[in-house]
Amino acid sequence: MAGPPAGKGSRPLLGSGLVCFSALLWGFITTFSRLAYEGGATPHFVVLVRFVAFVAIIGLLIVVLRRSVRLDRPQFVASLWMGLAIFGMSFGYLSSVAYIPVSLAAMIFYTYPLQVGVLSSLLGREKMTWTKAGALVAAFAGLALAIGPEISVLDPRGLALATFASVSIAVFTTFGGPILARSDTLVMNFYVNLWSLAGFGAFVAIAGDAVVPESALGAIGLGGATACYLLASIAIFAALPMIGAVRVAVLSNIEPLVSVAAAAVILGERLTSGQIAGAALVMAAILAVTIAGRRRP
């Protein structure tokens, strides 16, 4: 997600606080989703509610703020494929935790900044530096440590869905960033989620399997996942003009740490020493690439 650079009137303390608040909420989304599944809801229903709530609330916010909802032709076309990418991210990530531990899904998903680095290098936008190459090696070594010992007992559907989600958001970030930089991010994200809702709604109508939670725990999980997504998105929109996209990217690195911690505290997931070492390698690699990007003019 891109935004205007921080200007003279920026409020760094408030902006940084909003990003940390957003990252905290993002980190809890998968844990709440897992609770919704344990309460009887299906991934299809959780993702559908997420899109409906986003379109309704952000649409109302656009009306209140009196933003123009007109898009030019390039923006409209871009919003369609970006909607497909956001659908892939939402469906893949939220569905993956129905099959594999939340902490492992988070480690796989949050490798997307490294994928963005590779794509940017292949497109000629950035050079493949030693820092970036070393971070890639470290990240894959970390994933091998985290996944390796349990690969035979892990559900391949969960691994595939988390990977699909990570690739989807990497494509969105790489190719959508320049478009968002020239657009009203609030309005563009509204349209992106609207197209995602339209497509996924049609899919659910045909395929079915949108089952509501059957217990209070499931309802809490569904409500928590939806509320976290909405509040986190609004906080990011507010923070971007205050501190700029680069600082947002650096501070957002706490998201996977929150995901792992939330899964441990709420769901009782426990990582082995090898998995902890693997997670540390992955997080260090992501942080190194982010900081290296911040230092570039």
C-alpha atoms as a PDB file:
ATOM      1  CA  MET A   1       0.000   0.000   0.000  1.00  0.00           C
ATOM      2  CA  ALA A   2       1.498   3.298  -1.027  1.00  0.00           C
ATOM      3  CA  GLY A   3       0.837   6.822   0.118  1.00  0.00           C
ATOM      4  CA  PRO A   4       2.202  10.314   0.080  1.00  0.00           C
ATOM      5  CA  PRO A   5       5.522  11.004   1.761  1.00  0.00           C
ATOM      6  CA  ALA A   6       5.566  12.553   5.177  1.00  0.00           C
ATOM      7  CA  GLY A   7       5.574  16.333   4.908  1.00  0.00           C
ATOM      8  CA  LYS A   8       6.328  19.218   7.190  1.00  0.00           C
ATOM      9  CA  GLY A   9       2.974  18.890   8.853  1.00  0.00           C
ATOM     10  CA  SER A  10       3.403  15.192   9.607  1.00  0.00           C
ATOM     11  CA  ARG A  11       2.793  13.915  13.115  1.00  0.00           C
ATOM     12  CA  PRO A  12       5.361  11.125  13.544  1.00  0.00           C
ATOM     13  CA  LEU A  13       4.356  10.040  17.042  1.00  0.00           C
ATOM     14  CA  LEU A  14       0.660   9.681  16.253  1.00  0.00           C
ATOM     15  CA  GLY A  15       1.380   8.122  12.858  1.00  0.00           C
ATOM     16  CA  SER A  16       3.776   5.581  14.346  1.00  0.00           C
ATOM     17  CA  GLY A  17       1.258   4.742  17.039  1.00  0.00           C
ATOM     18  CA  LEU A  18      -1.441   4.148  14.431  1.00  0.00           C
ATOM     19  CA  VAL A  19       0.821   1.820  12.459  1.00  0.00           C
ATOM     20  CA  CYS A  20       1.703  -0.170  15.580  1.00  0.00           C
ATOM     21  CA  PHE A  21      -1.994  -0.355  16.445  1.00  0.00           C
ATOM     22  CA  SER A  22      -2.748  -1.547  12.913  1.00  0.00           C
ATOM     23  CA  ALA A  23       0.021  -4.159  13.031  1.00  0.00           C
ATOM     24  CA  LEU A  24      -1.283  -5.416  16.372  1.00  0.00           C
ATOM     25  CA  LEU A  25      -4.768  -5.865  14.913  1.00  0.00           C
ATOM     26  CA  TRP A  26      -3.472  -7.538  11.755  1.00  0.00           C
ATOM     27  CA  GLY A  27      -1.552  -9.971  13.918  1.00  0.00           C
ATOM     28  CA  PHE A  28      -4.739 -11.097  15.666  1.00  0.00           C
ATOM     29  CA  ILE A  29      -6.803 -11.666  12.512  1.00  0.00           C
ATOM     30  CA  THR A  30      -5.682 -15.234  11.843  1.00  0.00           C
ATOM     31  CA  THR A  31      -6.095 -16.248  15.488  1.00  0.00           C
ATOM     32  CA  PHE A  32      -9.649 -14.880  15.547  1.00  0.00           C
ATOM     33  CA  SER A  33     -10.329 -16.652  12.244  1.00  0.00           C
ATOM     34  CA  ARG A  34      -9.156 -19.940  13.732  1.00  0.00           C
ATOM     35  CA  LEU A  35     -11.562 -19.436  16.652  1.00  0.00           C
ATOM     36  CA  ALA A  36     -14.374 -18.835  14.149  1.00  0.00           C
ATOM     37  CA  TYR A  37     -13.570 -22.130  12.419  1.00  0.00           C
ATOM     38  CA  GLU A  38     -13.481 -23.995  15.704  1.00  0.00           C
ATOM     39  CA  GLY A  39     -16.905 -22.477  16.419  1.00  0.00           C
ATOM     40  CA  GLY A  40     -18.398 -23.954  13.254  1.00  0.00           C
ATOM     41  CA  ALA A  41     -17.853 -21.214  10.652  1.00  0.00           C
ATOM     42  CA  THR A  42     -16.265 -22.002   7.302  1.00  0.00           C
ATOM     43  CA  PRO A  43     -13.458 -20.015   5.663  1.00  0.00           C
ATOM     44  CA  HIS A  44     -15.875 -19.029   2.882  1.00  0.00           C
ATOM     45  CA  PHE A  45     -18.222 -17.360   5.359  1.00  0.00           C
ATOM     46  CA  VAL A  46     -15.438 -15.555   7.243  1.00  0.00           C
ATOM     47  CA  VAL A  47     -13.932 -14.143   4.032  1.00  0.00           C
ATOM     48  CA  LEU A  48     -17.376 -13.126   2.714  1.00  0.00           C
ATOM     49  CA  VAL A  49     -18.242 -11.243   5.909  1.00  0.00           C
ATOM     50  CA  ARG A  50     -14.859  -9.532   5.807  1.00  0.00           C
ATOM     51  CA  PHE A  51     -15.471  -8.175   2.300  1.00  0.00           C
ATOM     52  CA  VAL A  52     -19.059  -7.133   3.060  1.00  0.00           C
ATOM     53  CA  ALA A  53     -18.034  -5.264   6.210  1.00  0.00           C
ATOM     54  CA  PHE A  54     -15.116  -3.525   4.489  1.00  0.00           C
ATOM     55  CA  VAL A  55     -17.183  -2.321   1.539  1.00  0.00           C
ATOM     56  CA  ALA A  56     -20.011  -1.113   3.798  1.00  0.00           C
ATOM     57  CA  ILE A  57     -17.882   0.721   6.377  1.00  0.00           C
ATOM     58  CA  ILE A  58     -15.286   2.179   4.016  1.00  0.00           C
ATOM     59  CA  GLY A  59     -18.050   3.173   1.607  1.00  0.00           C
ATOM     60  CA  LEU A  60     -19.786   5.054   4.415  1.00  0.00           C
ATOM     61  CA  LEU A  61     -16.477   6.694   5.381  1.00  0.00           C
ATOM     62  CA  ILE A  62     -15.977   7.864   1.791  1.00  0.00           C
ATOM     63  CA  VAL A  63     -19.451   9.450   1.822  1.00  0.00           C
ATOM     64  CA  VAL A  64     -18.783  11.170   5.162  1.00  0.00           C
ATOM     65  CA  LEU A  65     -15.417  12.487   3.952  1.00  0.00           C
ATOM     66  CA  ARG A  66     -16.993  13.511   0.624  1.00  0.00           C
ATOM     67  CA  ARG A  67     -14.336  11.814  -1.446  1.00  0.00           C
ATOM     68  CA  SER A  68     -14.821  11.570  -5.202  1.00  0.00           C
ATOM     69  CA  VAL A  69     -15.457   7.984  -6.279  1.00  0.00           C
ATOM     70  CA  ARG A  70     -14.631   8.525  -9.945  1.00  0.00           C
ATOM     71  CA  LEU A  71     -11.807   6.498 -11.454  1.00  0.00           C
ATOM     72  CA  ASP A  72     -10.132   7.092 -14.781  1.00  0.00           C
ATOM     73  CA  ARG A  73      -9.831   4.175 -17.195  1.00  0.00           C
ATOM     74  CA  PRO A  74      -6.339   2.994 -16.107  1.00  0.00           C
ATOM     75  CA  GLN A  75      -7.364   3.120 -12.430  1.00  0.00           C
ATOM     76  CA  PHE A  76     -10.577   1.215 -13.142  1.00  0.00           C
ATOM     77  CA  VAL A  77      -8.746  -1.531 -15.037  1.00  0.00           C
ATOM     78  CA  ALA A  78      -6.110  -1.712 -12.297  1.00  0.00           C
ATOM     79  CA  SER A  79      -8.776  -2.003  -9.597  1.00  0.00           C
ATOM     80  CA  LEU A  80     -10.107  -5.169 -11.284  1.00  0.00           C
ATOM     81  CA  TRP A  81      -6.856  -7.150 -11.220  1.00  0.00           C
ATOM     82  CA  MET A  82      -5.957  -5.705  -7.826  1.00  0.00           C
ATOM     83  CA  GLY A  83      -9.313  -6.996  -6.575  1.00  0.00           C
ATOM     84  CA  LEU A  84      -8.321 -10.464  -7.764  1.00  0.00           C
ATOM     85  CA  ALA A  85      -5.016 -10.184  -5.902  1.00  0.00           C
ATOM     86  CA  ILE A  86      -6.692  -9.052  -2.684  1.00  0.00           C
ATOM     87  CA  PHE A  87      -9.159 -11.918  -2.975  1.00  0.00           C
ATOM     88  CA  GLY A  88      -6.234 -14.325  -3.317  1.00  0.00           C
ATOM     89  CA  MET A  89      -4.560 -12.828  -0.250  1.00  0.00           C
ATOM     90  CA  SER A  90      -7.698 -12.826   1.915  1.00  0.00           C
ATOM     91  CA  PHE A  91      -8.993 -16.240   0.929  1.00  0.00           C
ATOM     92  CA  GLY A  92      -5.585 -17.909   0.956  1.00  0.00           C
ATOM     93  CA  TYR A  93      -4.353 -16.541   4.290  1.00  0.00           C
ATOM     94  CA  LEU A  94      -7.591 -16.865   6.246  1.00  0.00           C
ATOM     95  CA  SER A  95      -8.248 -20.343   4.844  1.00  0.00           C
ATOM     96  CA  SER A  96      -4.716 -21.625   5.471  1.00  0.00           C
ATOM     97  CA  VAL A  97      -5.122 -21.482   9.255  1.00  0.00           C
ATOM     98  CA  ALA A  98      -7.949 -24.006   9.008  1.00  0.00           C
ATOM     99  CA  TYR A  99      -5.328 -26.597   8.017  1.00  0.00           C
ATOM    100  CA  ILE A 100      -1.982 -25.553   9.518  1.00  0.00           C
ATOM    101  CA  PRO A 101      -0.880 -23.711  12.695  1.00  0.00           C
ATOM    102  CA  VAL A 102      -1.355 -19.935  12.666  1.00  0.00           C
ATOM    103  CA  SER A 103       2.304 -19.316  13.491  1.00  0.00           C
ATOM    104  CA  LEU A 104       3.478 -21.327  10.485  1.00  0.00           C
ATOM    105  CA  ALA A 105       0.962 -19.654   8.160  1.00  0.00           C
ATOM    106  CA  ALA A 106       2.207 -16.257   9.344  1.00  0.00           C
ATOM    107  CA  MET A 107       5.836 -17.155   8.655  1.00  0.00           C
ATOM    108  CA  ILE A 108       4.988 -18.228   5.106  1.00  0.00           C
ATOM    109  CA  PHE A 109       2.699 -15.278   4.414  1.00  0.00           C
ATOM    110  CA  TYR A 110       5.079 -12.593   5.653  1.00  0.00           C
ATOM    111  CA  THR A 111       7.808 -13.599   3.227  1.00  0.00           C
ATOM    112  CA  TYR A 112       5.998 -11.405   0.696  1.00  0.00           C
ATOM    113  CA  PRO A 113       8.351  -8.385   1.195  1.00  0.00           C
ATOM    114  CA  LEU A 114      11.196 -10.617  -0.002  1.00  0.00           C
ATOM    115  CA  GLN A 115       9.160 -11.673  -3.030  1.00  0.00           C
ATOM    116  CA  VAL A 116       8.529  -7.985  -3.766  1.00  0.00           C
ATOM    117  CA  GLY A 117      12.288  -7.456  -3.698  1.00  0.00           C
ATOM    118  CA  VAL A 118      12.862 -10.252  -6.205  1.00  0.00           C
ATOM    119  CA  LEU A 119      10.076  -9.052  -8.519  1.00  0.00           C
ATOM    120  CA  SER A 120      11.401  -5.492  -8.387  1.00  0.00           C
ATOM    121  CA  SER A 121      14.851  -6.725  -9.359  1.00  0.00           C
ATOM    122  CA  LEU A 122      13.500  -8.814 -12.246  1.00  0.00           C
ATOM    123  CA  LEU A 123      11.547  -5.801 -13.498  1.00  0.00           C
ATOM    124  CA  GLY A 124      14.657  -3.622 -13.377  1.00  0.00           C
ATOM    125  CA  ARG A 125      13.259  -1.279 -10.724  1.00  0.00           C
ATOM    126  CA  GLU A 126      15.895  -2.189  -8.156  1.00  0.00           C
ATOM    127  CA  LYS A 127      19.251  -3.958  -8.140  1.00  0.00           C
ATOM    128  CA  MET A 128      19.725  -7.342  -6.499  1.00  0.00           C
ATOM    129  CA  THR A 129      22.031  -6.233  -3.675  1.00  0.00           C
ATOM    130  CA  TRP A 130      24.043  -8.482  -1.388  1.00  0.00           C
ATOM    131  CA  THR A 131      21.712  -7.533   1.454  1.00  0.00           C
ATOM    132  CA  LYS A 132      18.669  -8.645  -0.500  1.00  0.00           C
ATOM    133  CA  ALA A 133      20.316 -11.863  -1.703  1.00  0.00           C
ATOM    134  CA  GLY A 134      21.469 -12.729   1.819  1.00  0.00           C
ATOM    135  CA  ALA A 135      18.004 -12.011   3.196  1.00  0.00           C
ATOM    136  CA  LEU A 136      16.430 -14.370   0.655  1.00  0.00           C
ATOM    137  CA  VAL A 137      18.811 -17.178   1.589  1.00  0.00           C
ATOM    138  CA  ALA A 138      18.187 -16.575   5.295  1.00  0.00           C
ATOM    139  CA  ALA A 139      14.408 -16.507   4.834  1.00  0.00           C
ATOM    140  CA  PHE A 140      14.278 -19.796   2.954  1.00  0.00           C
ATOM    141  CA  ALA A 141      16.650 -21.374   5.468  1.00  0.00           C
ATOM    142  CA  GLY A 142      14.336 -20.164   8.234  1.00  0.00           C
ATOM    143  CA  LEU A 143      11.281 -21.635   6.524  1.00  0.00           C
ATOM    144  CA  ALA A 144      13.126 -24.923   6.050  1.00  0.00           C
ATOM    145  CA  LEU A 145      13.878 -25.006   9.783  1.00  0.00           C
ATOM    146  CA  ALA A 146      10.269 -24.162  10.674  1.00  0.00           C
ATOM    147  CA  ILE A 147       8.577 -26.546   8.254  1.00  0.00           C
ATOM    148  CA  GLY A 148      11.116 -29.315   7.749  1.00  0.00           C
ATOM    149  CA  PRO A 149      10.577 -31.531  10.824  1.00  0.00           C
ATOM    150  CA  GLU A 150       6.770 -31.533  10.393  1.00  0.00           C
ATOM    151  CA  ILE A 151       6.438 -31.566   6.606  1.00  0.00           C
ATOM    152  CA  SER A 152       5.079 -35.135   6.618  1.00  0.00           C
ATOM    153  CA  VAL A 153       2.249 -34.320   9.042  1.00  0.00           C
ATOM    154  CA  LEU A 154       1.319 -30.853   7.786  1.00  0.00           C
ATOM    155  CA  ASP A 155      -1.722 -30.530   5.548  1.00  0.00           C
ATOM    156  CA  PRO A 156      -0.453 -29.527   2.076  1.00  0.00           C
ATOM    157  CA  ARG A 157      -3.631 -27.499   1.524  1.00  0.00           C
ATOM    158  CA  GLY A 158      -2.636 -25.127   4.295  1.00  0.00           C
ATOM    159  CA  LEU A 159       0.899 -24.712   2.945  1.00  0.00           C
ATOM    160  CA  ALA A 160      -0.421 -24.092  -0.567  1.00  0.00           C
ATOM    161  CA  LEU A 161      -3.036 -21.561   0.594  1.00  0.00           C
ATOM    162  CA  ALA A 162      -0.542 -19.585   2.699  1.00  0.00           C
ATOM    163  CA  THR A 163       1.907 -19.537  -0.219  1.00  0.00           C
ATOM    164  CA  PHE A 164      -0.853 -18.445  -2.610  1.00  0.00           C
ATOM    165  CA  ALA A 165      -1.782 -15.614  -0.237  1.00  0.00           C
ATOM    166  CA  SER A 166       1.831 -14.480   0.036  1.00  0.00           C
ATOM    167  CA  VAL A 167       2.357 -14.467  -3.723  1.00  0.00           C
ATOM    168  CA  SER A 168      -0.943 -12.603  -4.241  1.00  0.00           C
ATOM    169  CA  ILE A 169      -0.045  -9.736  -1.898  1.00  0.00           C
ATOM    170  CA  ALA A 170       3.482  -9.607  -3.355  1.00  0.00           C
ATOM    171  CA  VAL A 171       2.001  -9.091  -6.835  1.00  0.00           C
ATOM    172  CA  PHE A 172      -0.433  -6.506  -5.458  1.00  0.00           C
ATOM    173  CA  THR A 173       2.368  -4.584  -3.743  1.00  0.00           C
ATOM    174  CA  THR A 174       4.801  -4.715  -6.657  1.00  0.00           C
ATOM    175  CA  PHE A 175       2.447  -3.722  -9.439  1.00  0.00           C
ATOM    176  CA  GLY A 176      -0.209  -1.883  -7.443  1.00  0.00           C
ATOM    177  CA  GLY A 177       2.134   0.393  -5.517  1.00  0.00           C
ATOM    178  CA  PRO A 178       2.766   2.844  -8.381  1.00  0.00           C
ATOM    179  CA  ILE A 179      -0.967   2.974  -9.122  1.00  0.00           C
ATOM    180  CA  LEU A 180      -1.932   3.637  -5.514  1.00  0.00           C
ATOM    181  CA  ALA A 181       0.724   6.355  -5.318  1.00  0.00           C
ATOM    182  CA  ARG A 182      -1.213   8.286  -7.975  1.00  0.00           C
ATOM    183  CA  SER A 183      -4.662   7.562  -6.526  1.00  0.00           C
ATOM    184  CA  ASP A 184      -6.832   8.140  -3.497  1.00  0.00           C
ATOM    185  CA  THR A 185      -5.893   4.989  -1.585  1.00  0.00           C
ATOM    186  CA  LEU A 186      -9.162   4.949   0.353  1.00  0.00           C
ATOM    187  CA  VAL A 187     -11.287   5.022  -2.799  1.00  0.00           C
ATOM    188  CA  MET A 188      -9.084   2.539  -4.665  1.00  0.00           C
ATOM    189  CA  ASN A 189      -9.179   0.075  -1.796  1.00  0.00           C
ATOM    190  CA  PHE A 190     -12.963   0.439  -1.689  1.00  0.00           C
ATOM    191  CA  TYR A 191     -13.240  -0.563  -5.347  1.00  0.00           C
ATOM    192  CA  VAL A 192     -10.665  -3.333  -4.968  1.00  0.00           C
ATOM    193  CA  ASN A 193     -12.660  -4.892  -2.134  1.00  0.00           C
ATOM    194  CA  LEU A 194     -15.949  -4.263  -3.963  1.00  0.00           C
ATOM    195  CA  TRP A 195     -14.783  -6.310  -6.971  1.00  0.00           C
ATOM    196  CA  SER A 196     -13.449  -8.975  -4.590  1.00  0.00           C
ATOM    197  CA  LEU A 197     -16.842  -9.099  -2.896  1.00  0.00           C
ATOM    198  CA  ALA A 198     -18.698  -9.341  -6.210  1.00  0.00           C
ATOM    199  CA  GLY A 199     -16.523 -12.172  -7.493  1.00  0.00           C
ATOM    200  CA  PHE A 200     -16.337 -14.104  -4.259  1.00  0.00           C
ATOM    201  CA  GLY A 201     -20.044 -13.581  -3.571  1.00  0.00           C
ATOM    202  CA  ALA A 202     -20.868 -15.169  -6.940  1.00  0.00           C
ATOM    203  CA  PHE A 203     -18.487 -18.045  -6.185  1.00  0.00           C
ATOM    204  CA  VAL A 204     -20.070 -18.695  -2.787  1.00  0.00           C
ATOM    205  CA  ALA A 205     -23.576 -18.534  -4.288  1.00  0.00           C
ATOM    206  CA  ILE A 206     -22.613 -21.308  -6.701  1.00  0.00           C
ATOM    207  CA  ALA A 207     -20.330 -23.422  -4.513  1.00  0.00           C
ATOM    208  CA  GLY A 208     -22.104 -22.889  -1.195  1.00  0.00           C
ATOM    209  CA  ASP A 209     -20.250 -23.834   1.999  1.00  0.00           C
ATOM    210  CA  ALA A 210     -20.795 -20.444   3.675  1.00  0.00           C
ATOM    211  CA  VAL A 211     -21.665 -21.714   7.141  1.00  0.00           C
ATOM    212  CA  VAL A 212     -22.232 -19.331  10.065  1.00  0.00           C
ATOM    213  CA  PRO A 213     -20.669 -19.970  13.493  1.00  0.00           C
ATOM    214  CA  GLU A 214     -22.616 -22.349  15.706  1.00  0.00           C
ATOM    215  CA  SER A 215     -21.257 -21.202  19.059  1.00  0.00           C
ATOM    216  CA  ALA A 216     -20.481 -18.037  20.992  1.00  0.00           C
ATOM    217  CA  LEU A 217     -16.766 -18.723  20.529  1.00  0.00           C
ATOM    218  CA  GLY A 218     -17.242 -18.862  16.777  1.00  0.00           C
ATOM    219  CA  ALA A 219     -19.204 -15.594  16.801  1.00  0.00           C
ATOM    220  CA  ILE A 220     -16.468 -13.913  18.842  1.00  0.00           C
ATOM    221  CA  GLY A 221     -13.848 -15.170  16.395  1.00  0.00           C
ATOM    222  CA  LEU A 222     -15.825 -13.925  13.400  1.00  0.00           C
ATOM    223  CA  GLY A 223     -16.497 -10.530  14.973  1.00  0.00           C
ATOM    224  CA  GLY A 224     -12.900 -10.158  16.116  1.00  0.00           C
ATOM    225  CA  ALA A 225     -11.410 -11.017  12.721  1.00  0.00           C
ATOM    226  CA  THR A 226     -13.750  -8.620  10.919  1.00  0.00           C
ATOM    227  CA  ALA A 227     -13.288  -5.751  13.384  1.00  0.00           C
ATOM    228  CA  CYS A 228      -9.494  -6.136  13.336  1.00  0.00           C
ATOM    229  CA  TYR A 229      -9.438  -5.962   9.541  1.00  0.00           C
ATOM    230  CA  LEU A 230     -11.576  -2.827   9.408  1.00  0.00           C
ATOM    231  CA  LEU A 231      -9.838  -0.933  12.199  1.00  0.00           C
ATOM    232  CA  ALA A 232      -6.377  -1.911  10.964  1.00  0.00           C
ATOM    233  CA  SER A 233      -7.184  -0.670   7.456  1.00  0.00           C
ATOM    234  CA  ILE A 234      -8.548   2.652   8.705  1.00  0.00           C
ATOM    235  CA  ALA A 235      -5.500   3.142  10.959  1.00  0.00           C
ATOM    236  CA  ILE A 236      -3.131   2.579   8.028  1.00  0.00           C
ATOM    237  CA  PHE A 237      -5.057   5.023   5.830  1.00  0.00           C
ATOM    238  CA  ALA A 238      -4.744   7.642   8.572  1.00  0.00           C
ATOM    239  CA  ALA A 239      -1.041   6.953   9.229  1.00  0.00           C
ATOM    240  CA  LEU A 240       0.226   7.087   5.638  1.00  0.00           C
ATOM    241  CA  PRO A 241       0.047  10.881   5.176  1.00  0.00           C
ATOM    242  CA  MET A 242       1.533  11.398   8.649  1.00  0.00           C
ATOM    243  CA  ILE A 243       4.741   9.347   8.358  1.00  0.00           C
ATOM    244  CA  GLY A 244       4.943   8.055   4.788  1.00  0.00           C
ATOM    245  CA  ALA A 245       4.956   4.560   3.298  1.00  0.00           C
ATOM    246  CA  VAL A 246       8.586   3.733   4.168  1.00  0.00           C
ATOM    247  CA  ARG A 247       8.153   4.170   7.923  1.00  0.00           C
ATOM    248  CA  VAL A 248       4.869   2.305   7.713  1.00  0.00           C
ATOM    249  CA  ALA A 249       6.686  -0.632   6.104  1.00  0.00           C
ATOM    250  CA  VAL A 250       9.370  -0.700   8.820  1.00  0.00           C
ATOM    251  CA  LEU A 251       6.928  -0.579  11.733  1.00  0.00           C
ATOM    252  CA  SER A 252       4.642  -3.160  10.136  1.00  0.00           C
ATOM    253  CA  ASN A 253       7.333  -5.804  10.668  1.00  0.00           C
ATOM    254  CA  ILE A 254       5.864  -6.465  14.105  1.00  0.00           C
ATOM    255  CA  GLU A 255       2.789  -8.064  12.483  1.00  0.00           C
ATOM    256  CA  PRO A 256       4.176 -11.622  12.173  1.00  0.00           C
ATOM    257  CA  LEU A 257       5.561 -11.459  15.714  1.00  0.00           C
ATOM    258  CA  VAL A 258       2.103 -10.543  17.002  1.00  0.00           C
ATOM    259  CA  SER A 259       0.569 -13.396  14.963  1.00  0.00           C
ATOM    260  CA  VAL A 260       2.922 -15.948  16.490  1.00  0.00           C
ATOM    261  CA  ALA A 261       2.468 -14.565  20.021  1.00  0.00           C
ATOM    262  CA  ALA A 262      -1.341 -14.440  19.708  1.00  0.00           C
ATOM    263  CA  ALA A 263      -1.425 -18.040  18.480  1.00  0.00           C
ATOM    264  CA  ALA A 264       0.692 -19.121  21.439  1.00  0.00           C
ATOM    265  CA  VAL A 265      -1.319 -17.259  24.078  1.00  0.00           C
ATOM    266  CA  ILE A 266      -4.867 -17.764  22.770  1.00  0.00           C
ATOM    267  CA  LEU A 267      -4.667 -21.013  20.810  1.00  0.00           C
ATOM    268  CA  GLY A 268      -1.940 -22.696  22.836  1.00  0.00           C
ATOM    269  CA  GLU A 269       0.344 -23.224  19.836  1.00  0.00           C
ATOM    270  CA  ARG A 270       3.924 -23.978  20.767  1.00  0.00           C
ATOM    271  CA  LEU A 271       6.974 -23.742  18.550  1.00  0.00           C
ATOM    272  CA  THR A 272       9.954 -26.054  18.914  1.00  0.00           C
ATOM    273  CA  SER A 273      13.409 -24.575  19.377  1.00  0.00           C
ATOM    274  CA  GLY A 274      14.138 -25.238  15.714  1.00  0.00           C
ATOM    275  CA  GLN A 275      10.946 -23.495  14.630  1.00  0.00           C
ATOM    276  CA  ILE A 276      11.741 -20.513  16.851  1.00  0.00           C
ATOM    277  CA  ALA A 277      15.179 -20.276  15.226  1.00  0.00           C
ATOM    278  CA  GLY A 278      13.539 -20.518  11.806  1.00  0.00           C
ATOM    279  CA  ALA A 279      11.010 -17.815  12.648  1.00  0.00           C
ATOM    280  CA  ALA A 280      13.805 -15.561  13.897  1.00  0.00           C
ATOM    281  CA  LEU A 281      15.699 -16.015  10.617  1.00  0.00           C
ATOM    282  CA  VAL A 282      12.612 -15.177   8.562  1.00  0.00           C
ATOM    283  CA  MET A 283      11.820 -12.058  10.608  1.00  0.00           C
ATOM    284  CA  ALA A 284      15.448 -10.882  10.530  1.00  0.00           C
ATOM    285  CA  ALA A 285      15.528 -11.293   6.744  1.00  0.00           C
ATOM    286  CA  ILE A 286      12.329  -9.275   6.280  1.00  0.00           C
ATOM    287  CA  LEU A 287      13.581  -6.530   8.601  1.00  0.00           C
ATOM    288  CA  ALA A 288      16.939  -6.367   6.801  1.00  0.00           C
ATOM    289  CA  VAL A 289      15.274  -5.882   3.413  1.00  0.00           C
ATOM    290  CA  THR A 290      12.901  -3.257   4.805  1.00  0.00           C
ATOM    291  CA  ILE A 291      15.661  -1.240   6.471  1.00  0.00           C
ATOM    292  CA  ALA A 292      17.824  -1.477   3.341  1.00  0.00           C
ATOM    293  CA  GLY A 293      14.911  -0.084   1.349  1.00  0.00           C
ATOM    294  CA  ARG A 294      14.510   2.750   3.842  1.00  0.00           C
ATOM    295  CA  ARG A 295      18.134   3.796   3.393  1.00  0.00           C
ATOM    296  CA  ARG A 296      17.797   4.149  -0.363  1.00  0.00           C
ATOM    297  CA  PRO A 297      17.188   7.748  -1.519  1.00  0.00           C
END
